[in-house]
Amino acid sequence: MQRYGGELIYHARDEHGVLEVVDAHGVRSLHFGTSPKQSALSLRQADRLELPYVRAMLSALLFIGEPGKVLLIGLGGGSLARFLLEQFSGSRVDAIERRSSVVEIAHDYFGLPRSTRLAVHIGEANQLVENLSRHLGNAYDLILIDAFDAEGMDPSINALDFVAACAALLHPKGVLDINLWGSHPVSLKQSIALLKTCFPGKSMRLAVPNRGNVIGFGLGPESPTVKLKQLEPRARDLEFRTGLEMPYFLRNLRGINSP
């Protein structure tokens, strides 16, 4: 069966809606009943991050180097989790995902490893984050948030209580970044305001060229003050190590934020 210009290889429905996996032109993609890709995997280069916005989210590494403990909110096909586990042997990833069926699809169709360094928690992100913030304190070096459904950005994510709870989980020198709904002006304005409130003087954004995504960043209160230009050597090192186009992302960061 054809779907979204490719071959439908998996179709199911859970309490939250439709789940589909489609292979097209050498790329496997996850869909939630609509054409936007929720996750993607190159069938020819499985170790490469296929979607530009996913690669852009890892620009957070410019500010912290190698992360130890990572919180991932919104697993999808597991691209970010798999990449971090493969690239950084000292990293441990906690992931929060609303749908248990998505977790199984990530393992079965997108190569997410079953690793002792990966713990996946099933449930609503706002409730689980609130619980973690009460018990763990500022435990995470890196928090990555990518929580979209078939309708767009989850409203419970784009809320002050949620962002504040995430900030409380962040190490004082850590970095939070979040995939924002760049093509929805009202949602984007609200998200930028939340980051400025929860990370006063320590927030930035990165527009993903030719995409509707904007990546928002919040740096911990003890993050060193550094001019973005000074990060050029780290950007080159990260590009060599990971294959991610970090100098390009850094140039875009400098173009939008103060140098």
Protein backbone atom coordinates (compact mmCIF):
# COMPACT_ATOMS: atom_id res chain seq x y z
CA MET A 1 0.00 0.00 0.00
CA GLN A 2 1.23 3.50 -0.87
CA ARG A 3 1.26 6.26 1.75
CA TYR A 4 2.88 9.73 1.75
CA GLY A 5 4.69 8.92 -1.49
CA GLY A 6 6.17 5.66 -0.25
CA GLU A 7 5.44 2.11 0.84
CA LEU A 8 3.46 1.68 4.05
CA ILE A 9 5.26 -1.03 6.03
CA TYR A 10 3.49 -0.65 9.38
CA HIS A 11 0.07 0.64 10.43
CA ALA A 12 -1.57 0.57 13.84
CA ARG A 13 -3.79 2.62 16.09
CA ASP A 14 -3.54 3.17 19.84
CA GLU A 15 -5.54 5.31 22.27
CA HIS A 16 -3.83 8.45 20.92
CA GLY A 17 -4.38 7.81 17.22
CA VAL A 18 -2.75 6.38 14.11
CA LEU A 19 0.85 5.16 13.87
CA GLU A 20 2.45 4.60 10.46
CA VAL A 21 5.91 3.69 9.19
CA VAL A 22 6.68 4.47 5.56
CA ASP A 23 9.70 3.72 3.36
CA ALA A 24 10.29 6.21 0.54
CA HIS A 25 13.42 6.98 -1.50
CA GLY A 26 15.76 5.28 0.94
CA VAL A 27 14.28 6.95 4.02
CA ARG A 28 12.06 5.35 6.66
CA SER A 29 9.71 7.78 8.41
CA LEU A 30 7.29 7.71 11.32
CA HIS A 31 3.91 9.41 10.93
CA PHE A 32 1.04 9.99 13.30
CA GLY A 33 -1.71 9.79 10.68
CA THR A 34 -0.60 12.93 8.82
CA SER A 35 2.12 13.69 6.28
CA PRO A 36 4.67 15.47 8.57
CA LYS A 37 7.54 13.19 9.55
CA GLN A 38 7.78 12.63 13.30
CA SER A 39 11.09 10.81 12.86
CA ALA A 40 13.22 9.60 9.96
CA LEU A 41 16.00 7.09 9.34
CA SER A 42 18.27 6.81 6.31
CA LEU A 43 18.18 3.19 5.22
CA ARG A 44 21.57 3.65 3.53
CA GLN A 45 23.32 5.54 6.36
CA ALA A 46 21.63 4.48 9.57
CA ASP A 47 24.19 6.30 11.73
CA ARG A 48 23.36 9.66 10.13
CA LEU A 49 20.67 11.95 11.53
CA GLU A 50 18.32 12.38 8.61
CA LEU A 51 16.21 15.40 9.61
CA PRO A 52 17.89 18.85 9.64
CA TYR A 53 16.01 20.04 12.74
CA VAL A 54 17.17 16.98 14.71
CA ARG A 55 20.77 17.76 13.79
CA ALA A 56 20.19 21.40 14.75
CA MET A 57 18.89 20.37 18.19
CA LEU A 58 22.32 18.96 18.96
CA SER A 59 23.81 22.45 18.64
CA ALA A 60 23.39 22.36 22.42
CA LEU A 61 26.64 20.39 22.45
CA LEU A 62 28.43 23.61 21.51
CA PHE A 63 27.82 24.84 25.06
CA ILE A 64 28.56 21.71 27.10
CA GLY A 65 30.76 19.37 25.10
CA GLU A 66 30.14 15.74 26.06
CA PRO A 67 26.96 15.25 28.11
CA GLY A 68 26.88 12.80 31.00
CA LYS A 69 23.20 12.53 31.92
CA VAL A 70 20.59 13.39 29.29
CA LEU A 71 16.81 13.79 29.52
CA LEU A 72 14.95 13.35 26.25
CA ILE A 73 11.29 14.39 26.18
CA GLY A 74 9.51 12.91 23.17
CA LEU A 75 11.20 9.76 21.89
CA GLY A 76 9.69 9.40 18.43
CA GLY A 77 11.78 7.00 16.38
CA GLY A 78 14.62 7.40 18.86
CA SER A 79 17.03 9.21 16.52
CA LEU A 80 18.44 11.51 19.20
CA ALA A 81 18.72 8.78 21.81
CA ARG A 82 20.45 6.38 19.43
CA PHE A 83 22.89 9.05 18.21
CA LEU A 84 23.87 10.13 21.71
CA LEU A 85 24.38 6.56 22.89
CA GLU A 86 26.55 5.78 19.86
CA GLN A 87 28.61 8.98 19.88
CA PHE A 88 29.17 9.47 23.62
CA SER A 89 30.07 6.32 25.49
CA GLY A 90 29.82 8.09 28.85
CA SER A 91 26.28 9.33 28.30
CA ARG A 92 23.16 7.89 29.92
CA VAL A 93 19.77 8.79 28.46
CA ASP A 94 16.42 8.99 30.25
CA ALA A 95 13.57 9.31 27.75
CA ILE A 96 9.94 10.24 28.32
CA GLU A 97 7.38 9.08 25.77
CA ARG A 98 3.59 9.22 26.03
CA ARG A 99 2.92 6.19 23.83
CA SER A 100 4.32 2.74 24.57
CA SER A 101 3.62 1.72 20.97
CA VAL A 102 6.00 4.45 19.76
CA VAL A 103 8.76 2.96 21.91
CA GLU A 104 8.29 -0.47 20.34
CA ILE A 105 8.29 1.03 16.85
CA ALA A 106 11.54 2.85 17.66
CA HIS A 107 13.16 -0.46 18.68
CA ASP A 108 11.67 -2.59 15.88
CA TYR A 109 11.84 -0.23 12.90
CA PHE A 110 14.31 2.57 13.69
CA GLY A 111 17.24 0.78 15.31
CA LEU A 112 16.88 2.13 18.83
CA PRO A 113 19.10 -0.15 20.95
CA ARG A 114 17.90 -1.92 24.07
CA SER A 115 20.70 -0.59 26.24
CA THR A 116 21.40 -0.45 29.95
CA ARG A 117 22.35 3.19 29.32
CA LEU A 118 18.81 3.99 28.13
CA ALA A 119 15.75 4.19 30.39
CA VAL A 120 12.37 4.94 28.83
CA HIS A 121 9.48 6.20 30.98
CA ILE A 122 5.93 5.96 29.61
CA GLY A 123 3.47 8.70 30.55
CA GLU A 124 2.57 12.36 30.25
CA ALA A 125 5.68 14.53 30.11
CA ASN A 126 4.42 17.28 32.42
CA GLN A 127 3.55 14.79 35.18
CA LEU A 128 6.78 12.81 34.87
CA VAL A 129 8.95 15.93 34.76
CA GLU A 130 7.26 17.31 37.85
CA ASN A 131 7.92 14.01 39.64
CA LEU A 132 11.56 13.93 38.52
CA SER A 133 12.11 17.54 39.62
CA ARG A 134 10.95 16.65 43.14
CA HIS A 135 13.27 13.65 43.44
CA LEU A 136 16.34 14.30 41.32
CA GLY A 137 17.11 18.00 41.57
CA ASN A 138 19.42 19.46 38.95
CA ALA A 139 20.55 16.10 37.58
CA TYR A 140 20.77 16.59 33.81
CA ASP A 141 23.58 18.06 31.74
CA LEU A 142 21.36 18.16 28.66
CA ILE A 143 17.58 18.26 28.24
CA LEU A 144 16.20 17.83 24.72
CA ILE A 145 12.48 18.41 24.15
CA ASP A 146 10.73 17.41 20.93
CA ALA A 147 7.07 16.88 21.77
CA PHE A 148 4.78 17.17 18.76
CA ASP A 149 1.72 15.17 17.80
CA ALA A 150 -0.47 15.10 14.70
CA GLU A 151 -1.90 18.52 15.62
CA GLY A 152 1.37 20.33 16.39
CA MET A 153 3.25 21.20 19.57
CA ASP A 154 1.73 19.67 22.69
CA PRO A 155 0.12 22.57 24.65
CA SER A 156 1.14 21.03 27.99
CA ILE A 157 4.78 21.43 26.91
CA ASN A 158 4.43 25.06 25.91
CA ALA A 159 3.54 26.07 29.46
CA LEU A 160 5.31 27.91 32.28
CA ASP A 161 4.98 25.14 34.87
CA PHE A 162 6.50 22.61 32.51
CA VAL A 163 9.45 24.72 31.36
CA ALA A 164 10.15 25.80 34.95
CA ALA A 165 10.15 22.16 36.11
CA CYS A 166 12.59 21.29 33.32
CA ALA A 167 14.81 24.21 34.35
CA ALA A 168 14.83 22.84 37.90
CA LEU A 169 16.11 19.50 36.55
CA LEU A 170 18.99 21.10 34.67
CA HIS A 171 22.53 21.14 36.03
CA PRO A 172 23.61 24.75 36.74
CA LYS A 173 26.03 24.49 33.80
CA GLY A 174 23.70 22.41 31.64
CA VAL A 175 21.71 23.22 28.51
CA LEU A 176 18.06 22.75 27.64
CA ASP A 177 16.87 22.92 24.08
CA ILE A 178 13.45 22.52 22.58
CA ASN A 179 12.04 22.12 19.08
CA LEU A 180 9.56 24.99 18.69
CA TRP A 181 6.64 25.44 16.33
CA GLY A 182 8.33 28.03 14.12
CA SER A 183 5.51 28.22 11.58
CA HIS A 184 2.90 29.10 14.24
CA PRO A 185 3.63 32.71 15.32
CA VAL A 186 1.48 32.67 18.47
CA SER A 187 2.97 29.42 19.76
CA LEU A 188 6.51 30.56 18.89
CA LYS A 189 6.11 33.92 20.67
CA GLN A 190 4.82 32.16 23.77
CA SER A 191 7.72 29.67 23.73
CA ILE A 192 10.37 32.38 23.40
CA ALA A 193 8.79 34.30 26.29
CA LEU A 194 8.82 31.15 28.46
CA LEU A 195 12.51 30.57 27.79
CA LYS A 196 13.32 34.18 28.64
CA THR A 197 11.36 33.86 31.89
CA CYS A 198 12.93 30.57 32.99
CA PHE A 199 16.44 31.34 31.74
CA PRO A 200 16.85 35.10 32.26
CA GLY A 201 19.71 36.42 30.15
CA LYS A 202 20.59 32.85 29.15
CA SER A 203 18.21 32.02 26.28
CA MET A 204 18.83 31.87 22.54
CA ARG A 205 17.18 30.55 19.41
CA LEU A 206 18.22 29.00 16.12
CA ALA A 207 16.04 29.01 13.01
CA VAL A 208 16.48 25.88 10.91
CA PRO A 209 16.92 27.15 7.32
CA ASN A 210 14.19 26.16 4.85
CA ARG A 211 12.18 24.50 7.61
CA GLY A 212 9.37 25.57 9.94
CA ASN A 213 11.43 24.67 12.98
CA VAL A 214 13.05 27.01 15.50
CA ILE A 215 15.27 25.55 18.19
CA GLY A 216 15.11 27.34 21.53
CA PHE A 217 17.98 27.15 24.04
CA GLY A 218 18.14 27.77 27.77
CA LEU A 219 21.53 27.74 29.51
CA GLY A 220 21.95 26.97 33.20
CA PRO A 221 22.62 29.90 35.55
CA GLU A 222 26.27 28.95 36.05
CA SER A 223 27.02 28.46 32.36
CA PRO A 224 30.16 30.43 31.50
CA THR A 225 29.61 33.66 29.62
CA VAL A 226 31.24 33.18 26.24
CA LYS A 227 30.99 34.96 22.93
CA LEU A 228 29.60 32.69 20.24
CA LYS A 229 32.61 33.36 18.03
CA GLN A 230 34.81 31.76 20.69
CA LEU A 231 32.98 28.47 20.12
CA GLU A 232 34.34 28.05 16.59
CA PRO A 233 37.12 25.59 17.61
CA ARG A 234 34.58 23.42 19.48
CA ALA A 235 32.24 23.56 16.48
CA ARG A 236 34.99 22.25 14.19
CA ASP A 237 35.92 19.52 16.67
CA LEU A 238 32.30 18.41 17.00
CA GLU A 239 31.87 18.36 13.23
CA PHE A 240 34.93 16.13 12.89
CA ARG A 241 33.79 13.82 15.68
CA THR A 242 30.08 13.54 14.93
CA GLY A 243 29.67 14.56 11.28
CA LEU A 244 27.17 17.25 12.30
CA GLU A 245 27.45 20.61 10.53
CA MET A 246 28.24 22.50 13.74
CA PRO A 247 30.13 25.45 12.16
CA TYR A 248 27.07 26.10 9.99
CA PHE A 249 24.72 26.03 12.98
CA LEU A 250 27.08 28.28 14.93
CA ARG A 251 27.06 30.86 12.13
CA ASN A 252 23.26 30.84 12.19
CA LEU A 253 23.25 31.21 15.97
CA ARG A 254 25.53 34.21 15.67
CA GLY A 255 23.29 35.73 13.02
CA ILE A 256 20.21 35.68 15.26
CA ASN A 257 21.66 36.15 18.75
CA SER A 258 24.24 38.52 20.18
CA PRO A 259 27.77 37.61 19.07
